[in-house]
Amino acid sequence: MFDQLVCRVMFHQLRYEGIFTPPSEQGTLVFPGNLGMFEWGGISVDPDRQVAIANPMALPFVSKLIPRGPG
């Protein structure tokens, strides 16, 4: 229960306006994350039925801009 609460609080603190939300100083939720969407090493193919089955990886991450210091 605690983990779910922490995730909800973090989600509401981050900026998210869809998959093309640019990074911000406040922090931006990027979903799907930079790991891509499919784990190609785990793909299975059935050539008879012409079906490919892959494991989706929809992991979010947080992108945050840090302002430059003087100079």
N, C-alpha and C. Protein backbone atom coordinates (compact mmCIF):
# COMPACT_ATOMS: atom_id res chain seq x y z
N MET A 1 0.82 -1.19 0.00
CA MET A 1 0.00 0.00 0.00
C MET A 1 0.87 1.25 0.00
N PHE A 2 1.97 1.22 0.77
CA PHE A 2 2.85 2.38 0.84
C PHE A 2 3.47 2.68 -0.53
N ASP A 3 3.90 1.63 -1.26
CA ASP A 3 4.50 1.83 -2.58
C ASP A 3 3.52 2.50 -3.53
N GLN A 4 2.27 2.07 -3.49
CA GLN A 4 1.26 2.65 -4.36
C GLN A 4 1.05 4.13 -4.02
N LEU A 5 1.04 4.48 -2.76
CA LEU A 5 0.88 5.86 -2.33
C LEU A 5 2.05 6.72 -2.83
N VAL A 6 3.26 6.22 -2.67
CA VAL A 6 4.44 6.96 -3.12
C VAL A 6 4.39 7.18 -4.63
N CYS A 7 4.00 6.17 -5.38
CA CYS A 7 3.89 6.30 -6.84
C CYS A 7 2.84 7.33 -7.23
N ARG A 8 1.71 7.33 -6.55
CA ARG A 8 0.66 8.31 -6.85
C ARG A 8 1.13 9.74 -6.56
N VAL A 9 1.82 9.93 -5.45
CA VAL A 9 2.32 11.26 -5.10
C VAL A 9 3.34 11.71 -6.14
N MET A 10 4.28 10.83 -6.49
CA MET A 10 5.28 11.18 -7.50
C MET A 10 4.63 11.50 -8.84
N PHE A 11 3.64 10.72 -9.24
CA PHE A 11 2.95 10.93 -10.52
C PHE A 11 2.33 12.32 -10.56
N HIS A 12 1.70 12.74 -9.48
CA HIS A 12 1.03 14.05 -9.47
C HIS A 12 2.02 15.21 -9.37
N GLN A 13 3.25 14.96 -8.96
CA GLN A 13 4.26 16.01 -8.91
C GLN A 13 4.95 16.20 -10.25
N LEU A 14 4.86 15.21 -11.13
CA LEU A 14 5.55 15.27 -12.41
C LEU A 14 4.65 15.84 -13.50
N ARG A 15 5.29 16.37 -14.52
CA ARG A 15 4.57 16.89 -15.68
C ARG A 15 4.35 15.73 -16.65
N TYR A 16 3.13 15.57 -17.13
CA TYR A 16 2.83 14.55 -18.15
C TYR A 16 1.65 15.02 -18.97
N GLU A 17 1.91 15.27 -20.25
CA GLU A 17 0.86 15.73 -21.17
C GLU A 17 0.80 14.82 -22.39
N GLY A 18 1.09 13.56 -22.20
CA GLY A 18 1.11 12.61 -23.31
C GLY A 18 2.53 12.21 -23.65
N ILE A 19 2.67 11.38 -24.68
CA ILE A 19 3.98 10.80 -24.98
C ILE A 19 5.00 11.80 -25.51
N PHE A 20 4.57 12.98 -25.95
CA PHE A 20 5.50 13.96 -26.49
C PHE A 20 5.75 15.12 -25.52
N THR A 21 5.55 14.92 -24.23
CA THR A 21 5.79 15.96 -23.24
C THR A 21 7.30 16.23 -23.15
N PRO A 22 7.74 17.48 -23.34
CA PRO A 22 9.17 17.76 -23.27
C PRO A 22 9.68 17.75 -21.83
N PRO A 23 10.98 17.53 -21.63
CA PRO A 23 11.54 17.56 -20.28
C PRO A 23 11.35 18.93 -19.64
N SER A 24 11.33 18.97 -18.32
CA SER A 24 11.15 20.22 -17.59
C SER A 24 12.01 20.21 -16.34
N GLU A 25 12.16 21.38 -15.73
CA GLU A 25 12.92 21.47 -14.47
C GLU A 25 12.17 20.81 -13.33
N GLN A 26 10.85 20.80 -13.41
CA GLN A 26 10.03 20.19 -12.35
C GLN A 26 10.12 18.67 -12.41
N GLY A 27 10.40 18.13 -13.58
CA GLY A 27 10.45 16.68 -13.79
C GLY A 27 9.32 16.26 -14.70
N THR A 28 9.62 15.43 -15.66
CA THR A 28 8.63 14.98 -16.64
C THR A 28 8.58 13.46 -16.63
N LEU A 29 7.38 12.93 -16.59
CA LEU A 29 7.19 11.49 -16.71
C LEU A 29 7.26 11.13 -18.18
N VAL A 30 8.16 10.24 -18.55
CA VAL A 30 8.31 9.79 -19.93
C VAL A 30 7.79 8.36 -20.00
N PHE A 31 6.75 8.18 -20.81
CA PHE A 31 6.13 6.85 -20.92
C PHE A 31 5.66 6.61 -22.34
N PRO A 32 6.07 5.56 -23.00
CA PRO A 32 6.98 4.53 -22.50
C PRO A 32 8.39 5.08 -22.39
N GLY A 33 9.17 4.46 -21.55
CA GLY A 33 10.51 4.95 -21.24
C GLY A 33 11.52 4.70 -22.34
N ASN A 34 12.77 5.01 -22.05
CA ASN A 34 13.84 4.91 -23.04
C ASN A 34 14.32 3.49 -23.28
N LEU A 35 13.77 2.52 -22.61
CA LEU A 35 14.17 1.13 -22.84
C LEU A 35 13.49 0.53 -24.06
N GLY A 36 12.65 1.31 -24.71
CA GLY A 36 11.94 0.80 -25.86
C GLY A 36 10.64 0.15 -25.45
N MET A 37 10.02 -0.50 -26.39
CA MET A 37 8.73 -1.09 -26.10
C MET A 37 8.77 -2.62 -26.10
N PHE A 38 9.67 -3.20 -26.87
CA PHE A 38 9.73 -4.66 -26.92
C PHE A 38 11.12 -5.17 -26.59
N GLU A 39 11.15 -6.27 -25.89
CA GLU A 39 12.41 -6.95 -25.59
C GLU A 39 12.64 -7.97 -26.69
N TRP A 40 13.47 -7.61 -27.65
CA TRP A 40 13.61 -8.44 -28.84
C TRP A 40 14.24 -9.79 -28.54
N GLY A 41 14.98 -9.93 -27.47
CA GLY A 41 15.57 -11.22 -27.14
C GLY A 41 14.54 -12.26 -26.73
N GLY A 42 13.35 -11.82 -26.34
CA GLY A 42 12.32 -12.75 -25.88
C GLY A 42 11.23 -13.00 -26.89
N ILE A 43 11.50 -12.74 -28.17
CA ILE A 43 10.45 -12.89 -29.19
C ILE A 43 10.31 -14.35 -29.61
N SER A 44 9.08 -14.76 -29.88
CA SER A 44 8.79 -16.11 -30.41
C SER A 44 8.04 -15.95 -31.72
N VAL A 45 8.34 -16.82 -32.66
CA VAL A 45 7.72 -16.74 -33.98
C VAL A 45 7.13 -18.09 -34.34
N ASP A 46 5.90 -18.06 -34.85
CA ASP A 46 5.25 -19.26 -35.38
C ASP A 46 5.09 -19.04 -36.88
N PRO A 47 6.02 -19.60 -37.69
CA PRO A 47 5.97 -19.36 -39.13
C PRO A 47 4.73 -19.96 -39.81
N ASP A 48 4.18 -21.03 -39.26
CA ASP A 48 2.99 -21.64 -39.87
C ASP A 48 1.79 -20.70 -39.80
N ARG A 49 1.58 -20.08 -38.64
CA ARG A 49 0.45 -19.15 -38.48
C ARG A 49 0.84 -17.71 -38.77
N GLN A 50 2.12 -17.47 -39.06
CA GLN A 50 2.66 -16.13 -39.32
C GLN A 50 2.34 -15.18 -38.16
N VAL A 51 2.71 -15.63 -36.96
CA VAL A 51 2.47 -14.85 -35.75
C VAL A 51 3.80 -14.66 -35.02
N ALA A 52 4.03 -13.44 -34.56
CA ALA A 52 5.18 -13.15 -33.71
C ALA A 52 4.65 -12.69 -32.36
N ILE A 53 5.21 -13.24 -31.29
CA ILE A 53 4.80 -12.87 -29.94
C ILE A 53 6.03 -12.29 -29.24
N ALA A 54 5.88 -11.06 -28.73
CA ALA A 54 6.99 -10.38 -28.07
C ALA A 54 6.54 -9.90 -26.69
N ASN A 55 7.51 -9.72 -25.80
CA ASN A 55 7.23 -9.25 -24.45
C ASN A 55 7.29 -7.73 -24.41
N PRO A 56 6.17 -7.05 -24.23
CA PRO A 56 6.24 -5.58 -24.16
C PRO A 56 6.85 -5.11 -22.84
N MET A 57 7.65 -4.08 -22.92
CA MET A 57 8.24 -3.46 -21.73
C MET A 57 7.80 -2.00 -21.70
N ALA A 58 6.77 -1.70 -20.98
CA ALA A 58 6.25 -0.33 -20.89
C ALA A 58 6.68 0.26 -19.55
N LEU A 59 7.96 0.56 -19.43
CA LEU A 59 8.49 1.09 -18.17
C LEU A 59 8.66 2.60 -18.28
N PRO A 60 8.08 3.36 -17.37
CA PRO A 60 8.27 4.81 -17.40
C PRO A 60 9.59 5.22 -16.76
N PHE A 61 10.04 6.43 -17.05
CA PHE A 61 11.16 7.00 -16.32
C PHE A 61 10.94 8.50 -16.19
N VAL A 62 11.73 9.13 -15.34
CA VAL A 62 11.60 10.56 -15.09
C VAL A 62 12.76 11.28 -15.75
N SER A 63 12.44 12.30 -16.54
CA SER A 63 13.44 13.15 -17.17
C SER A 63 13.36 14.52 -16.51
N LYS A 64 14.51 15.07 -16.14
CA LYS A 64 14.52 16.34 -15.43
C LYS A 64 15.64 17.22 -15.96
N LEU A 65 15.31 18.47 -16.30
CA LEU A 65 16.32 19.43 -16.74
C LEU A 65 16.95 20.08 -15.51
N ILE A 66 18.26 20.27 -15.57
CA ILE A 66 18.98 20.93 -14.49
C ILE A 66 19.58 22.21 -15.05
N PRO A 67 19.22 23.37 -14.49
CA PRO A 67 19.74 24.63 -15.03
C PRO A 67 21.26 24.73 -14.87
N ARG A 68 21.89 25.36 -15.85
CA ARG A 68 23.34 25.56 -15.78
C ARG A 68 23.68 26.59 -14.73
N GLY A 69 24.80 26.40 -14.12
CA GLY A 69 25.28 27.38 -13.16
C GLY A 69 25.89 28.58 -13.89
N PRO A 70 26.26 29.59 -13.17
CA PRO A 70 26.88 30.76 -13.82
C PRO A 70 28.22 30.39 -14.46
N GLY A 71 28.48 31.03 -15.60
CA GLY A 71 29.77 30.83 -16.28
C GLY A 71 29.72 29.72 -17.19
